[in-house]
Amino acid sequence: QSAYLAEAEKSVRLGFVRKVYGILVIQLLVTVGISSLFIVNDDCRRLALTQPNIIWAAYGVMFVTLIVLSCCGEVRRKHPHGMIGLTIFTLATSFFVGIISSIYAQVIGEWIVIEALLMTALIVVGLTIFAFQTKYDFTRFNGFIVALIMWGMMLLMFNFVFIMDTRFAYTLYASCGAALMCFFIVHDTQLMIGGKHKY
């Protein structure tokens, strides 16, 4: 009977992983669509350049929705409420990314935005495959070490913004942030799939 329960738990976990990645794919497609609109459409480009306050409005909606979804368990766990919150968050994030993509596309060209999109997609797929097959347990880095990494990123940002205001410093900070997000992809995927991971 324990083998049956273990198989049932594995089936439920894999269904959950499929659901999470399905939602993630939909979110990314919406973000790509809105970002493409801001890159290609002249009216959207003009809006991004002439109305700088809209980026803060999108950021505010995105941040408030993220706080509500993170802190209010009863909101995110109820069926229509969670999906509505996730939809608002996705649209605000897509709008935010679209404006930033439009600005970058005008300054350094459209191809840099497309390259960033392709690199992100390849890295996420590669890290997900790695998380499923690796024997190394990334779930043991819960709690203190994750908080330490986040505080380290905040201290680095403070250092780079106020002390070392150079292009190299910003590149180093961006690289540290990308490495941290890569760690979280593997860590969270292993938490979802369960198995022999200790935590």
C-alpha atoms as a PDB file:
ATOM      1  CA  GLN A   1       0.000   0.000   0.000  1.00  0.00           C
ATOM      2  CA  SER A   2       2.918   2.394   0.699  1.00  0.00           C
ATOM      3  CA  ALA A   3       4.175   1.860  -2.869  1.00  0.00           C
ATOM      4  CA  TYR A   4       0.693   2.771  -4.144  1.00  0.00           C
ATOM      5  CA  LEU A   5       0.670   5.945  -2.005  1.00  0.00           C
ATOM      6  CA  ALA A   6       4.155   6.890  -3.188  1.00  0.00           C
ATOM      7  CA  GLU A   7       3.063   6.433  -6.811  1.00  0.00           C
ATOM      8  CA  ALA A   8      -0.096   8.478  -6.195  1.00  0.00           C
ATOM      9  CA  GLU A   9       1.944  11.269  -4.573  1.00  0.00           C
ATOM     10  CA  LYS A  10       4.345  11.237  -7.531  1.00  0.00           C
ATOM     11  CA  SER A  11       1.418  11.457  -9.959  1.00  0.00           C
ATOM     12  CA  VAL A  12      -0.107  14.390  -8.027  1.00  0.00           C
ATOM     13  CA  ARG A  13       3.247  16.181  -7.886  1.00  0.00           C
ATOM     14  CA  LEU A  14       3.854  15.744 -11.623  1.00  0.00           C
ATOM     15  CA  GLY A  15       0.341  17.032 -12.325  1.00  0.00           C
ATOM     16  CA  PHE A  16       1.121  20.057 -10.168  1.00  0.00           C
ATOM     17  CA  VAL A  17       4.395  20.643 -12.035  1.00  0.00           C
ATOM     18  CA  ARG A  18       2.520  20.461 -15.362  1.00  0.00           C
ATOM     19  CA  LYS A  19      -0.049  22.969 -14.070  1.00  0.00           C
ATOM     20  CA  VAL A  20       2.621  25.384 -12.793  1.00  0.00           C
ATOM     21  CA  TYR A  21       4.641  25.236 -16.000  1.00  0.00           C
ATOM     22  CA  GLY A  22       1.469  25.545 -18.096  1.00  0.00           C
ATOM     23  CA  ILE A  23       0.545  28.742 -16.242  1.00  0.00           C
ATOM     24  CA  LEU A  24       4.126  29.958 -16.614  1.00  0.00           C
ATOM     25  CA  VAL A  25       4.063  29.358 -20.383  1.00  0.00           C
ATOM     26  CA  ILE A  26       0.798  31.316 -20.688  1.00  0.00           C
ATOM     27  CA  GLN A  27       2.288  34.183 -18.637  1.00  0.00           C
ATOM     28  CA  LEU A  28       5.400  34.249 -20.815  1.00  0.00           C
ATOM     29  CA  LEU A  29       3.362  34.213 -24.035  1.00  0.00           C
ATOM     30  CA  VAL A  30       1.294  37.164 -22.809  1.00  0.00           C
ATOM     31  CA  THR A  31       4.494  39.007 -21.848  1.00  0.00           C
ATOM     32  CA  VAL A  32       6.076  38.283 -25.238  1.00  0.00           C
ATOM     33  CA  GLY A  33       2.933  39.456 -27.041  1.00  0.00           C
ATOM     34  CA  ILE A  34       2.662  42.748 -25.152  1.00  0.00           C
ATOM     35  CA  SER A  35       6.423  43.367 -25.333  1.00  0.00           C
ATOM     36  CA  SER A  36       6.373  42.734 -29.081  1.00  0.00           C
ATOM     37  CA  LEU A  37       3.550  45.247 -29.429  1.00  0.00           C
ATOM     38  CA  PHE A  38       5.645  47.863 -27.612  1.00  0.00           C
ATOM     39  CA  ILE A  39       8.673  47.109 -29.787  1.00  0.00           C
ATOM     40  CA  VAL A  40       6.900  47.029 -33.162  1.00  0.00           C
ATOM     41  CA  ASN A  41       4.038  49.537 -32.841  1.00  0.00           C
ATOM     42  CA  ASP A  42       5.014  53.213 -33.232  1.00  0.00           C
ATOM     43  CA  ASP A  43       2.145  54.468 -31.040  1.00  0.00           C
ATOM     44  CA  CYS A  44       3.214  52.197 -28.174  1.00  0.00           C
ATOM     45  CA  ARG A  45       6.832  53.309 -28.596  1.00  0.00           C
ATOM     46  CA  ARG A  46       5.749  56.934 -28.461  1.00  0.00           C
ATOM     47  CA  LEU A  47       3.668  56.243 -25.356  1.00  0.00           C
ATOM     48  CA  ALA A  48       6.659  54.643 -23.611  1.00  0.00           C
ATOM     49  CA  LEU A  49       8.849  57.666 -24.386  1.00  0.00           C
ATOM     50  CA  THR A  50       6.396  60.494 -23.766  1.00  0.00           C
ATOM     51  CA  GLN A  51       4.637  59.170 -20.631  1.00  0.00           C
ATOM     52  CA  PRO A  52       7.335  57.990 -18.201  1.00  0.00           C
ATOM     53  CA  ASN A  53       4.878  57.876 -15.285  1.00  0.00           C
ATOM     54  CA  ILE A  54       3.022  54.881 -16.713  1.00  0.00           C
ATOM     55  CA  ILE A  55       5.990  52.662 -15.935  1.00  0.00           C
ATOM     56  CA  TRP A  56       5.604  53.551 -12.236  1.00  0.00           C
ATOM     57  CA  ALA A  57       1.874  52.880 -12.398  1.00  0.00           C
ATOM     58  CA  ALA A  58       2.516  49.424 -13.872  1.00  0.00           C
ATOM     59  CA  TYR A  59       5.223  48.802 -11.273  1.00  0.00           C
ATOM     60  CA  GLY A  60       2.851  49.836  -8.470  1.00  0.00           C
ATOM     61  CA  VAL A  61       0.055  47.526  -9.652  1.00  0.00           C
ATOM     62  CA  MET A  62       2.555  44.691 -10.112  1.00  0.00           C
ATOM     63  CA  PHE A  63       4.052  45.186  -6.626  1.00  0.00           C
ATOM     64  CA  VAL A  64       0.709  45.494  -4.793  1.00  0.00           C
ATOM     65  CA  THR A  65      -0.679  42.414  -6.554  1.00  0.00           C
ATOM     66  CA  LEU A  66       2.477  40.457  -5.722  1.00  0.00           C
ATOM     67  CA  ILE A  67       2.177  41.408  -2.039  1.00  0.00           C
ATOM     68  CA  VAL A  68      -1.508  40.411  -1.965  1.00  0.00           C
ATOM     69  CA  LEU A  69      -0.821  37.061  -3.663  1.00  0.00           C
ATOM     70  CA  SER A  70       2.169  36.358  -1.405  1.00  0.00           C
ATOM     71  CA  CYS A  71       0.736  37.416   1.952  1.00  0.00           C
ATOM     72  CA  CYS A  72      -2.987  36.681   1.691  1.00  0.00           C
ATOM     73  CA  GLY A  73      -3.338  32.906   1.502  1.00  0.00           C
ATOM     74  CA  GLU A  74      -7.141  33.003   1.453  1.00  0.00           C
ATOM     75  CA  VAL A  75      -7.063  35.213  -1.669  1.00  0.00           C
ATOM     76  CA  ARG A  76      -4.642  33.117  -3.706  1.00  0.00           C
ATOM     77  CA  ARG A  77      -6.159  29.757  -2.693  1.00  0.00           C
ATOM     78  CA  LYS A  78      -9.753  30.569  -3.694  1.00  0.00           C
ATOM     79  CA  HIS A  79     -10.399  29.658  -7.309  1.00  0.00           C
ATOM     80  CA  PRO A  80     -11.542  32.808  -9.050  1.00  0.00           C
ATOM     81  CA  HIS A  81      -9.641  35.166  -6.734  1.00  0.00           C
ATOM     82  CA  GLY A  82      -6.241  33.547  -7.306  1.00  0.00           C
ATOM     83  CA  MET A  83      -6.648  33.480 -11.081  1.00  0.00           C
ATOM     84  CA  ILE A  84      -7.851  37.095 -11.165  1.00  0.00           C
ATOM     85  CA  GLY A  85      -4.873  38.199  -9.059  1.00  0.00           C
ATOM     86  CA  LEU A  86      -2.483  36.211 -11.252  1.00  0.00           C
ATOM     87  CA  THR A  87      -4.019  37.724 -14.394  1.00  0.00           C
ATOM     88  CA  ILE A  88      -3.679  41.274 -13.038  1.00  0.00           C
ATOM     89  CA  PHE A  89      -0.084  40.544 -12.021  1.00  0.00           C
ATOM     90  CA  THR A  90       0.723  39.082 -15.452  1.00  0.00           C
ATOM     91  CA  LEU A  91      -0.795  42.023 -17.337  1.00  0.00           C
ATOM     92  CA  ALA A  92       0.965  44.610 -15.146  1.00  0.00           C
ATOM     93  CA  THR A  93       4.282  42.772 -15.461  1.00  0.00           C
ATOM     94  CA  SER A  94       3.831  42.423 -19.220  1.00  0.00           C
ATOM     95  CA  PHE A  95       3.095  46.142 -19.534  1.00  0.00           C
ATOM     96  CA  PHE A  96       6.162  46.947 -17.388  1.00  0.00           C
ATOM     97  CA  VAL A  97       8.416  44.650 -19.432  1.00  0.00           C
ATOM     98  CA  GLY A  98       6.907  45.997 -22.669  1.00  0.00           C
ATOM     99  CA  ILE A  99       7.810  49.592 -21.785  1.00  0.00           C
ATOM    100  CA  ILE A 100      11.351  48.621 -20.762  1.00  0.00           C
ATOM    101  CA  SER A 101      11.748  46.523 -23.924  1.00  0.00           C
ATOM    102  CA  SER A 102      10.540  49.435 -26.044  1.00  0.00           C
ATOM    103  CA  ILE A 103      13.096  51.775 -24.477  1.00  0.00           C
ATOM    104  CA  TYR A 104      15.933  49.272 -24.899  1.00  0.00           C
ATOM    105  CA  ALA A 105      14.865  48.507 -28.466  1.00  0.00           C
ATOM    106  CA  GLN A 106      15.057  52.208 -29.343  1.00  0.00           C
ATOM    107  CA  VAL A 107      18.404  52.722 -27.634  1.00  0.00           C
ATOM    108  CA  ILE A 108      20.354  49.600 -28.604  1.00  0.00           C
ATOM    109  CA  GLY A 109      18.162  47.795 -31.141  1.00  0.00           C
ATOM    110  CA  GLU A 110      15.365  45.229 -31.246  1.00  0.00           C
ATOM    111  CA  TRP A 111      17.688  42.245 -31.568  1.00  0.00           C
ATOM    112  CA  ILE A 112      19.106  42.641 -28.058  1.00  0.00           C
ATOM    113  CA  VAL A 113      15.604  42.217 -26.604  1.00  0.00           C
ATOM    114  CA  ILE A 114      14.952  39.141 -28.787  1.00  0.00           C
ATOM    115  CA  GLU A 115      18.339  37.664 -27.791  1.00  0.00           C
ATOM    116  CA  ALA A 116      17.495  38.190 -24.098  1.00  0.00           C
ATOM    117  CA  LEU A 117      14.147  36.431 -24.612  1.00  0.00           C
ATOM    118  CA  LEU A 118      15.744  33.439 -26.361  1.00  0.00           C
ATOM    119  CA  MET A 119      18.533  33.146 -23.779  1.00  0.00           C
ATOM    120  CA  THR A 120      15.992  33.264 -20.945  1.00  0.00           C
ATOM    121  CA  ALA A 121      13.833  30.549 -22.523  1.00  0.00           C
ATOM    122  CA  LEU A 122      16.820  28.263 -23.149  1.00  0.00           C
ATOM    123  CA  ILE A 123      18.183  28.737 -19.632  1.00  0.00           C
ATOM    124  CA  VAL A 124      14.807  28.003 -17.989  1.00  0.00           C
ATOM    125  CA  VAL A 125      14.324  24.832 -20.066  1.00  0.00           C
ATOM    126  CA  GLY A 126      17.906  23.694 -19.413  1.00  0.00           C
ATOM    127  CA  LEU A 127      17.703  24.321 -15.664  1.00  0.00           C
ATOM    128  CA  THR A 128      14.344  22.554 -15.412  1.00  0.00           C
ATOM    129  CA  ILE A 129      15.776  19.475 -17.112  1.00  0.00           C
ATOM    130  CA  PHE A 130      18.809  19.692 -14.807  1.00  0.00           C
ATOM    131  CA  ALA A 131      16.565  19.919 -11.706  1.00  0.00           C
ATOM    132  CA  PHE A 132      14.679  16.768 -12.740  1.00  0.00           C
ATOM    133  CA  GLN A 133      17.750  14.606 -13.343  1.00  0.00           C
ATOM    134  CA  THR A 134      20.450  15.815 -10.917  1.00  0.00           C
ATOM    135  CA  LYS A 135      21.340  13.828  -7.803  1.00  0.00           C
ATOM    136  CA  TYR A 136      22.406  16.992  -5.959  1.00  0.00           C
ATOM    137  CA  ASP A 137      19.797  18.244  -3.491  1.00  0.00           C
ATOM    138  CA  PHE A 138      19.236  22.009  -3.850  1.00  0.00           C
ATOM    139  CA  THR A 139      16.316  21.977  -1.395  1.00  0.00           C
ATOM    140  CA  ARG A 140      18.693  22.004   1.566  1.00  0.00           C
ATOM    141  CA  PHE A 141      19.390  25.691   0.871  1.00  0.00           C
ATOM    142  CA  ASN A 142      16.045  26.744   2.364  1.00  0.00           C
ATOM    143  CA  GLY A 143      15.608  29.448   4.948  1.00  0.00           C
ATOM    144  CA  PHE A 144      18.742  31.070   6.253  1.00  0.00           C
ATOM    145  CA  ILE A 145      20.923  30.721   3.161  1.00  0.00           C
ATOM    146  CA  VAL A 146      18.200  32.014   0.820  1.00  0.00           C
ATOM    147  CA  ALA A 147      17.644  35.003   3.140  1.00  0.00           C
ATOM    148  CA  LEU A 148      21.412  35.543   3.267  1.00  0.00           C
ATOM    149  CA  ILE A 149      21.595  35.567  -0.542  1.00  0.00           C
ATOM    150  CA  MET A 150      18.735  38.080  -0.753  1.00  0.00           C
ATOM    151  CA  TRP A 151      20.388  40.363   1.840  1.00  0.00           C
ATOM    152  CA  GLY A 152      23.658  39.995  -0.068  1.00  0.00           C
ATOM    153  CA  MET A 153      21.929  41.181  -3.248  1.00  0.00           C
ATOM    154  CA  MET A 154      20.466  44.180  -1.416  1.00  0.00           C
ATOM    155  CA  LEU A 155      23.864  45.107   0.044  1.00  0.00           C
ATOM    156  CA  LEU A 156      25.497  44.706  -3.379  1.00  0.00           C
ATOM    157  CA  MET A 157      22.849  46.979  -4.910  1.00  0.00           C
ATOM    158  CA  PHE A 158      23.462  49.619  -2.239  1.00  0.00           C
ATOM    159  CA  ASN A 159      27.214  49.357  -2.819  1.00  0.00           C
ATOM    160  CA  PHE A 160      26.952  49.583  -6.605  1.00  0.00           C
ATOM    161  CA  VAL A 161      24.422  52.427  -6.665  1.00  0.00           C
ATOM    162  CA  PHE A 162      26.063  54.682  -4.103  1.00  0.00           C
ATOM    163  CA  ILE A 163      29.756  53.700  -4.140  1.00  0.00           C
ATOM    164  CA  MET A 164      30.785  51.936  -7.367  1.00  0.00           C
ATOM    165  CA  ASP A 165      28.647  53.652 -10.008  1.00  0.00           C
ATOM    166  CA  THR A 166      30.273  52.060 -13.076  1.00  0.00           C
ATOM    167  CA  ARG A 167      29.079  49.980 -16.022  1.00  0.00           C
ATOM    168  CA  PHE A 168      31.133  47.015 -14.759  1.00  0.00           C
ATOM    169  CA  ALA A 169      29.437  47.222 -11.353  1.00  0.00           C
ATOM    170  CA  TYR A 170      25.984  47.129 -12.934  1.00  0.00           C
ATOM    171  CA  THR A 171      26.992  44.192 -15.150  1.00  0.00           C
ATOM    172  CA  LEU A 172      28.338  42.342 -12.098  1.00  0.00           C
ATOM    173  CA  TYR A 173      25.147  43.026 -10.154  1.00  0.00           C
ATOM    174  CA  ALA A 174      22.968  41.867 -13.068  1.00  0.00           C
ATOM    175  CA  SER A 175      25.066  38.698 -13.363  1.00  0.00           C
ATOM    176  CA  CYS A 176      24.669  37.983  -9.634  1.00  0.00           C
ATOM    177  CA  GLY A 177      20.907  38.494  -9.938  1.00  0.00           C
ATOM    178  CA  ALA A 178      20.704  36.171 -12.947  1.00  0.00           C
ATOM    179  CA  ALA A 179      22.719  33.502 -11.099  1.00  0.00           C
ATOM    180  CA  LEU A 180      20.398  33.837  -8.085  1.00  0.00           C
ATOM    181  CA  MET A 181      17.317  33.391 -10.277  1.00  0.00           C
ATOM    182  CA  CYS A 182      18.908  30.319 -11.906  1.00  0.00           C
ATOM    183  CA  PHE A 183      19.405  28.858  -8.422  1.00  0.00           C
ATOM    184  CA  PHE A 184      15.763  29.549  -7.543  1.00  0.00           C
ATOM    185  CA  ILE A 185      14.517  27.810 -10.710  1.00  0.00           C
ATOM    186  CA  VAL A 186      16.359  24.609  -9.769  1.00  0.00           C
ATOM    187  CA  HIS A 187      15.497  24.925  -6.058  1.00  0.00           C
ATOM    188  CA  ASP A 188      11.768  25.516  -6.598  1.00  0.00           C
ATOM    189  CA  THR A 189      11.482  22.806  -9.257  1.00  0.00           C
ATOM    190  CA  GLN A 190      13.026  20.284  -6.862  1.00  0.00           C
ATOM    191  CA  LEU A 191      10.612  21.404  -4.126  1.00  0.00           C
ATOM    192  CA  MET A 192       7.690  20.735  -6.495  1.00  0.00           C
ATOM    193  CA  ILE A 193       8.822  17.322  -7.731  1.00  0.00           C
ATOM    194  CA  GLY A 194       9.602  15.997  -4.249  1.00  0.00           C
ATOM    195  CA  GLY A 195      11.174  12.539  -4.383  1.00  0.00           C
ATOM    196  CA  LYS A 196      14.303  11.838  -2.361  1.00  0.00           C
ATOM    197  CA  HIS A 197      15.095  15.475  -1.641  1.00  0.00           C
ATOM    198  CA  LYS A 198      15.609  15.907   2.091  1.00  0.00           C
ATOM    199  CA  TYR A 199      13.592  19.070   2.550  1.00  0.00           C
END
